[in-house]
Amino acid sequence: MAVITNFDTLKALHENARASSAGRRDWIKFADTMIDSFPSLYRTAKAMNGRSAELEKALRDLVAQIELRTDCMDGRIDRAALDDQVETAERLVGVGPGGTR
């Protein structure tokens, strides 16, 4: 069976399997595909979890720095002091200066 990491394809296989009963061709096809695909799916999910945690940390750091660098009297932000956090966030989301990818 082929390794499939496309969730739309897996969803379609799952729906077909649920429409049939255990032991039927569609059910076996889905089970075989999941067994073969699981290691790749797990690696993908683990990488996504790591990236999500990295993005969350960068955003929390940026928000904390914005709070620290905002003048409470007039609301102005010391933008130059945020450069490191902004660059980190831009790198993580794949956006360069000026909002380009």
N, C-alpha and C. Protein backbone atom coordinates (compact mmCIF):
# COMPACT_ATOMS: atom_id res chain seq x y z
N MET A 1 0.84 -1.18 0.00
CA MET A 1 0.00 0.00 0.00
C MET A 1 0.89 1.24 0.00
N ALA A 2 0.44 2.27 -0.65
CA ALA A 2 1.20 3.51 -0.73
C ALA A 2 1.08 4.30 0.56
N VAL A 3 2.14 5.03 0.87
CA VAL A 3 2.12 5.91 2.03
C VAL A 3 1.44 7.20 1.61
N ILE A 4 0.40 7.59 2.34
CA ILE A 4 -0.37 8.79 2.02
C ILE A 4 -0.32 9.74 3.21
N THR A 5 0.08 10.96 2.97
CA THR A 5 0.06 11.95 4.04
C THR A 5 -0.90 13.10 3.71
N ASN A 6 -1.62 12.99 2.62
CA ASN A 6 -2.62 13.99 2.28
C ASN A 6 -3.89 13.68 3.08
N PHE A 7 -4.27 14.60 3.94
CA PHE A 7 -5.39 14.35 4.84
C PHE A 7 -6.73 14.28 4.11
N ASP A 8 -6.87 14.97 2.99
CA ASP A 8 -8.11 14.87 2.22
C ASP A 8 -8.28 13.46 1.66
N THR A 9 -7.18 12.89 1.17
CA THR A 9 -7.22 11.52 0.65
C THR A 9 -7.54 10.53 1.77
N LEU A 10 -6.87 10.71 2.92
CA LEU A 10 -7.15 9.82 4.05
C LEU A 10 -8.60 9.96 4.52
N LYS A 11 -9.12 11.17 4.50
CA LYS A 11 -10.50 11.39 4.93
C LYS A 11 -11.46 10.65 4.00
N ALA A 12 -11.18 10.72 2.70
CA ALA A 12 -12.04 10.02 1.73
C ALA A 12 -11.97 8.51 1.95
N LEU A 13 -10.77 7.98 2.18
CA LEU A 13 -10.63 6.55 2.46
C LEU A 13 -11.38 6.18 3.74
N HIS A 14 -11.29 7.03 4.74
CA HIS A 14 -11.96 6.79 6.02
C HIS A 14 -13.48 6.78 5.84
N GLU A 15 -13.98 7.74 5.07
CA GLU A 15 -15.43 7.79 4.84
C GLU A 15 -15.92 6.55 4.10
N ASN A 16 -15.14 6.10 3.12
CA ASN A 16 -15.50 4.87 2.40
C ASN A 16 -15.48 3.67 3.33
N ALA A 17 -14.48 3.63 4.22
CA ALA A 17 -14.37 2.50 5.15
C ALA A 17 -15.55 2.50 6.12
N ARG A 18 -15.94 3.67 6.60
CA ARG A 18 -17.06 3.75 7.55
C ARG A 18 -18.37 3.36 6.88
N ALA A 19 -18.46 3.62 5.58
CA ALA A 19 -19.68 3.26 4.85
C ALA A 19 -19.78 1.75 4.65
N SER A 20 -18.65 1.06 4.69
CA SER A 20 -18.67 -0.39 4.55
C SER A 20 -18.48 -1.01 5.94
N SER A 21 -18.52 -2.29 6.02
CA SER A 21 -18.33 -2.93 7.32
C SER A 21 -16.90 -3.46 7.44
N ALA A 22 -16.53 -3.76 8.69
CA ALA A 22 -15.18 -4.27 8.95
C ALA A 22 -14.91 -5.51 8.12
N GLY A 23 -13.72 -5.55 7.57
CA GLY A 23 -13.32 -6.70 6.77
C GLY A 23 -13.61 -6.54 5.29
N ARG A 24 -14.37 -5.51 4.94
CA ARG A 24 -14.67 -5.27 3.53
C ARG A 24 -13.47 -4.58 2.86
N ARG A 25 -13.47 -4.57 1.53
CA ARG A 25 -12.34 -4.04 0.76
C ARG A 25 -11.98 -2.60 1.16
N ASP A 26 -12.96 -1.70 1.24
CA ASP A 26 -12.68 -0.30 1.58
C ASP A 26 -12.12 -0.18 3.00
N TRP A 27 -12.63 -0.97 3.90
CA TRP A 27 -12.17 -0.94 5.29
C TRP A 27 -10.71 -1.42 5.37
N ILE A 28 -10.41 -2.50 4.67
CA ILE A 28 -9.04 -3.05 4.65
C ILE A 28 -8.09 -2.07 3.97
N LYS A 29 -8.53 -1.43 2.89
CA LYS A 29 -7.69 -0.47 2.19
C LYS A 29 -7.34 0.70 3.12
N PHE A 30 -8.32 1.21 3.86
CA PHE A 30 -8.05 2.30 4.80
C PHE A 30 -7.11 1.84 5.91
N ALA A 31 -7.35 0.67 6.48
CA ALA A 31 -6.51 0.15 7.57
C ALA A 31 -5.07 -0.04 7.09
N ASP A 32 -4.90 -0.64 5.92
CA ASP A 32 -3.54 -0.84 5.38
C ASP A 32 -2.85 0.50 5.13
N THR A 33 -3.58 1.44 4.57
CA THR A 33 -3.01 2.76 4.28
C THR A 33 -2.59 3.45 5.57
N MET A 34 -3.41 3.39 6.60
CA MET A 34 -3.07 4.02 7.87
C MET A 34 -1.86 3.36 8.51
N ILE A 35 -1.79 2.04 8.45
CA ILE A 35 -0.63 1.34 9.02
C ILE A 35 0.65 1.76 8.30
N ASP A 36 0.58 1.82 6.97
CA ASP A 36 1.76 2.20 6.19
C ASP A 36 2.09 3.69 6.33
N SER A 37 1.07 4.53 6.47
CA SER A 37 1.26 5.98 6.49
C SER A 37 1.57 6.53 7.88
N PHE A 38 1.26 5.78 8.93
CA PHE A 38 1.38 6.33 10.28
C PHE A 38 2.76 6.90 10.60
N PRO A 39 3.87 6.22 10.32
CA PRO A 39 5.17 6.80 10.66
C PRO A 39 5.40 8.17 10.01
N SER A 40 5.01 8.31 8.76
CA SER A 40 5.17 9.59 8.07
C SER A 40 4.22 10.64 8.65
N LEU A 41 3.00 10.24 8.94
CA LEU A 41 2.04 11.16 9.56
C LEU A 41 2.53 11.62 10.92
N TYR A 42 3.09 10.71 11.68
CA TYR A 42 3.60 11.05 13.01
C TYR A 42 4.75 12.05 12.91
N ARG A 43 5.68 11.81 11.99
CA ARG A 43 6.80 12.75 11.80
C ARG A 43 6.29 14.14 11.40
N THR A 44 5.31 14.16 10.50
CA THR A 44 4.73 15.43 10.07
C THR A 44 4.07 16.15 11.24
N ALA A 45 3.27 15.44 12.01
CA ALA A 45 2.59 16.04 13.15
C ALA A 45 3.58 16.53 14.20
N LYS A 46 4.62 15.75 14.44
CA LYS A 46 5.63 16.15 15.42
C LYS A 46 6.35 17.42 14.97
N ALA A 47 6.67 17.51 13.69
CA ALA A 47 7.31 18.71 13.16
C ALA A 47 6.37 19.90 13.25
N MET A 48 5.09 19.68 12.98
CA MET A 48 4.11 20.77 13.09
C MET A 48 3.97 21.23 14.53
N ASN A 49 4.00 20.31 15.47
CA ASN A 49 3.93 20.69 16.89
C ASN A 49 5.13 21.54 17.28
N GLY A 50 6.31 21.15 16.81
CA GLY A 50 7.51 21.91 17.11
C GLY A 50 7.45 23.31 16.50
N ARG A 51 7.00 23.38 15.27
CA ARG A 51 6.88 24.69 14.61
C ARG A 51 5.84 25.55 15.31
N SER A 52 4.74 24.95 15.70
CA SER A 52 3.70 25.69 16.40
C SER A 52 4.23 26.26 17.72
N ALA A 53 4.99 25.46 18.46
CA ALA A 53 5.57 25.93 19.72
C ALA A 53 6.56 27.06 19.48
N GLU A 54 7.35 26.95 18.41
CA GLU A 54 8.33 27.98 18.08
C GLU A 54 7.62 29.29 17.70
N LEU A 55 6.56 29.20 16.91
CA LEU A 55 5.78 30.38 16.53
C LEU A 55 5.12 31.02 17.75
N GLU A 56 4.56 30.18 18.61
CA GLU A 56 3.90 30.70 19.82
C GLU A 56 4.89 31.45 20.70
N LYS A 57 6.08 30.89 20.88
CA LYS A 57 7.10 31.55 21.70
C LYS A 57 7.50 32.89 21.09
N ALA A 58 7.71 32.92 19.77
CA ALA A 58 8.09 34.16 19.10
C ALA A 58 7.01 35.22 19.25
N LEU A 59 5.76 34.82 19.13
CA LEU A 59 4.67 35.78 19.28
C LEU A 59 4.54 36.27 20.72
N ARG A 60 4.70 35.37 21.68
CA ARG A 60 4.65 35.79 23.09
C ARG A 60 5.78 36.77 23.40
N ASP A 61 6.97 36.49 22.88
CA ASP A 61 8.11 37.39 23.09
C ASP A 61 7.84 38.75 22.46
N LEU A 62 7.29 38.76 21.27
CA LEU A 62 6.99 40.01 20.58
C LEU A 62 5.95 40.81 21.35
N VAL A 63 4.88 40.16 21.79
CA VAL A 63 3.84 40.85 22.56
C VAL A 63 4.41 41.41 23.85
N ALA A 64 5.24 40.64 24.54
CA ALA A 64 5.86 41.11 25.78
C ALA A 64 6.72 42.34 25.52
N GLN A 65 7.49 42.32 24.45
CA GLN A 65 8.35 43.45 24.13
C GLN A 65 7.53 44.68 23.71
N ILE A 66 6.44 44.46 23.00
CA ILE A 66 5.57 45.58 22.64
C ILE A 66 5.02 46.24 23.89
N GLU A 67 4.59 45.42 24.85
CA GLU A 67 4.09 45.97 26.11
C GLU A 67 5.16 46.76 26.84
N LEU A 68 6.38 46.23 26.84
CA LEU A 68 7.48 46.93 27.52
C LEU A 68 7.89 48.21 26.80
N ARG A 69 7.78 48.23 25.48
CA ARG A 69 8.28 49.35 24.68
C ARG A 69 7.19 50.35 24.30
N THR A 70 6.00 50.22 24.87
CA THR A 70 4.93 51.16 24.57
C THR A 70 4.86 52.21 25.68
N ASP A 71 4.90 53.47 25.27
CA ASP A 71 4.82 54.58 26.21
C ASP A 71 3.38 54.66 26.74
N CYS A 72 3.22 54.54 28.05
CA CYS A 72 1.88 54.52 28.63
C CYS A 72 1.19 55.89 28.55
N MET A 73 1.93 56.94 28.33
CA MET A 73 1.34 58.29 28.27
C MET A 73 0.74 58.59 26.89
N ASP A 74 1.45 58.25 25.84
CA ASP A 74 0.95 58.61 24.50
C ASP A 74 0.75 57.42 23.57
N GLY A 75 1.08 56.21 24.02
CA GLY A 75 0.86 55.02 23.23
C GLY A 75 1.85 54.77 22.11
N ARG A 76 2.90 55.58 22.03
CA ARG A 76 3.91 55.37 20.99
C ARG A 76 4.76 54.14 21.33
N ILE A 77 5.16 53.43 20.29
CA ILE A 77 5.98 52.23 20.45
C ILE A 77 7.38 52.50 19.93
N ASP A 78 8.38 52.11 20.72
CA ASP A 78 9.78 52.23 20.29
C ASP A 78 10.05 51.09 19.32
N ARG A 79 9.78 51.32 18.04
CA ARG A 79 9.87 50.27 17.02
C ARG A 79 11.28 49.71 16.88
N ALA A 80 12.29 50.56 16.99
CA ALA A 80 13.67 50.09 16.83
C ALA A 80 14.03 49.06 17.89
N ALA A 81 13.46 49.16 19.07
CA ALA A 81 13.76 48.22 20.15
C ALA A 81 13.12 46.85 19.90
N LEU A 82 12.20 46.77 18.95
CA LEU A 82 11.50 45.51 18.66
C LEU A 82 12.10 44.76 17.47
N ASP A 83 13.15 45.30 16.87
CA ASP A 83 13.69 44.72 15.64
C ASP A 83 14.02 43.23 15.75
N ASP A 84 14.65 42.81 16.84
CA ASP A 84 15.02 41.39 16.98
C ASP A 84 13.79 40.49 16.98
N GLN A 85 12.77 40.87 17.76
CA GLN A 85 11.56 40.05 17.84
C GLN A 85 10.79 40.07 16.52
N VAL A 86 10.74 41.21 15.85
CA VAL A 86 10.05 41.30 14.56
C VAL A 86 10.77 40.44 13.52
N GLU A 87 12.08 40.50 13.49
CA GLU A 87 12.84 39.68 12.53
C GLU A 87 12.63 38.19 12.78
N THR A 88 12.61 37.79 14.05
CA THR A 88 12.36 36.38 14.38
C THR A 88 10.97 35.95 13.90
N ALA A 89 9.97 36.77 14.18
CA ALA A 89 8.60 36.44 13.76
C ALA A 89 8.51 36.39 12.24
N GLU A 90 9.12 37.35 11.55
CA GLU A 90 9.10 37.36 10.08
C GLU A 90 9.78 36.12 9.50
N ARG A 91 10.89 35.73 10.09
CA ARG A 91 11.60 34.54 9.61
C ARG A 91 10.74 33.30 9.79
N LEU A 92 10.07 33.19 10.92
CA LEU A 92 9.27 32.00 11.20
C LEU A 92 8.05 31.89 10.27
N VAL A 93 7.43 33.01 9.94
CA VAL A 93 6.25 32.94 9.08
C VAL A 93 6.60 33.09 7.61
N GLY A 94 7.89 33.32 7.32
CA GLY A 94 8.32 33.38 5.93
C GLY A 94 8.02 34.71 5.26
N VAL A 95 7.95 35.76 6.05
CA VAL A 95 7.68 37.08 5.50
C VAL A 95 8.91 37.93 5.67
N GLY A 96 9.30 38.59 4.60
CA GLY A 96 10.46 39.47 4.65
C GLY A 96 10.05 40.91 4.90
N PRO A 97 11.00 41.80 4.89
CA PRO A 97 10.70 43.22 5.08
C PRO A 97 9.67 43.71 4.07
N GLY A 98 8.76 44.51 4.54
CA GLY A 98 7.71 45.04 3.65
C GLY A 98 6.58 44.06 3.41
N GLY A 99 6.56 42.94 4.11
CA GLY A 99 5.47 41.97 3.99
C GLY A 99 5.56 41.03 2.81
N THR A 100 6.73 40.92 2.18
CA THR A 100 6.89 40.02 1.03
C THR A 100 7.30 38.63 1.49
N ARG A 101 6.95 37.64 0.69
CA ARG A 101 7.33 36.26 1.00
C ARG A 101 8.54 35.89 0.23
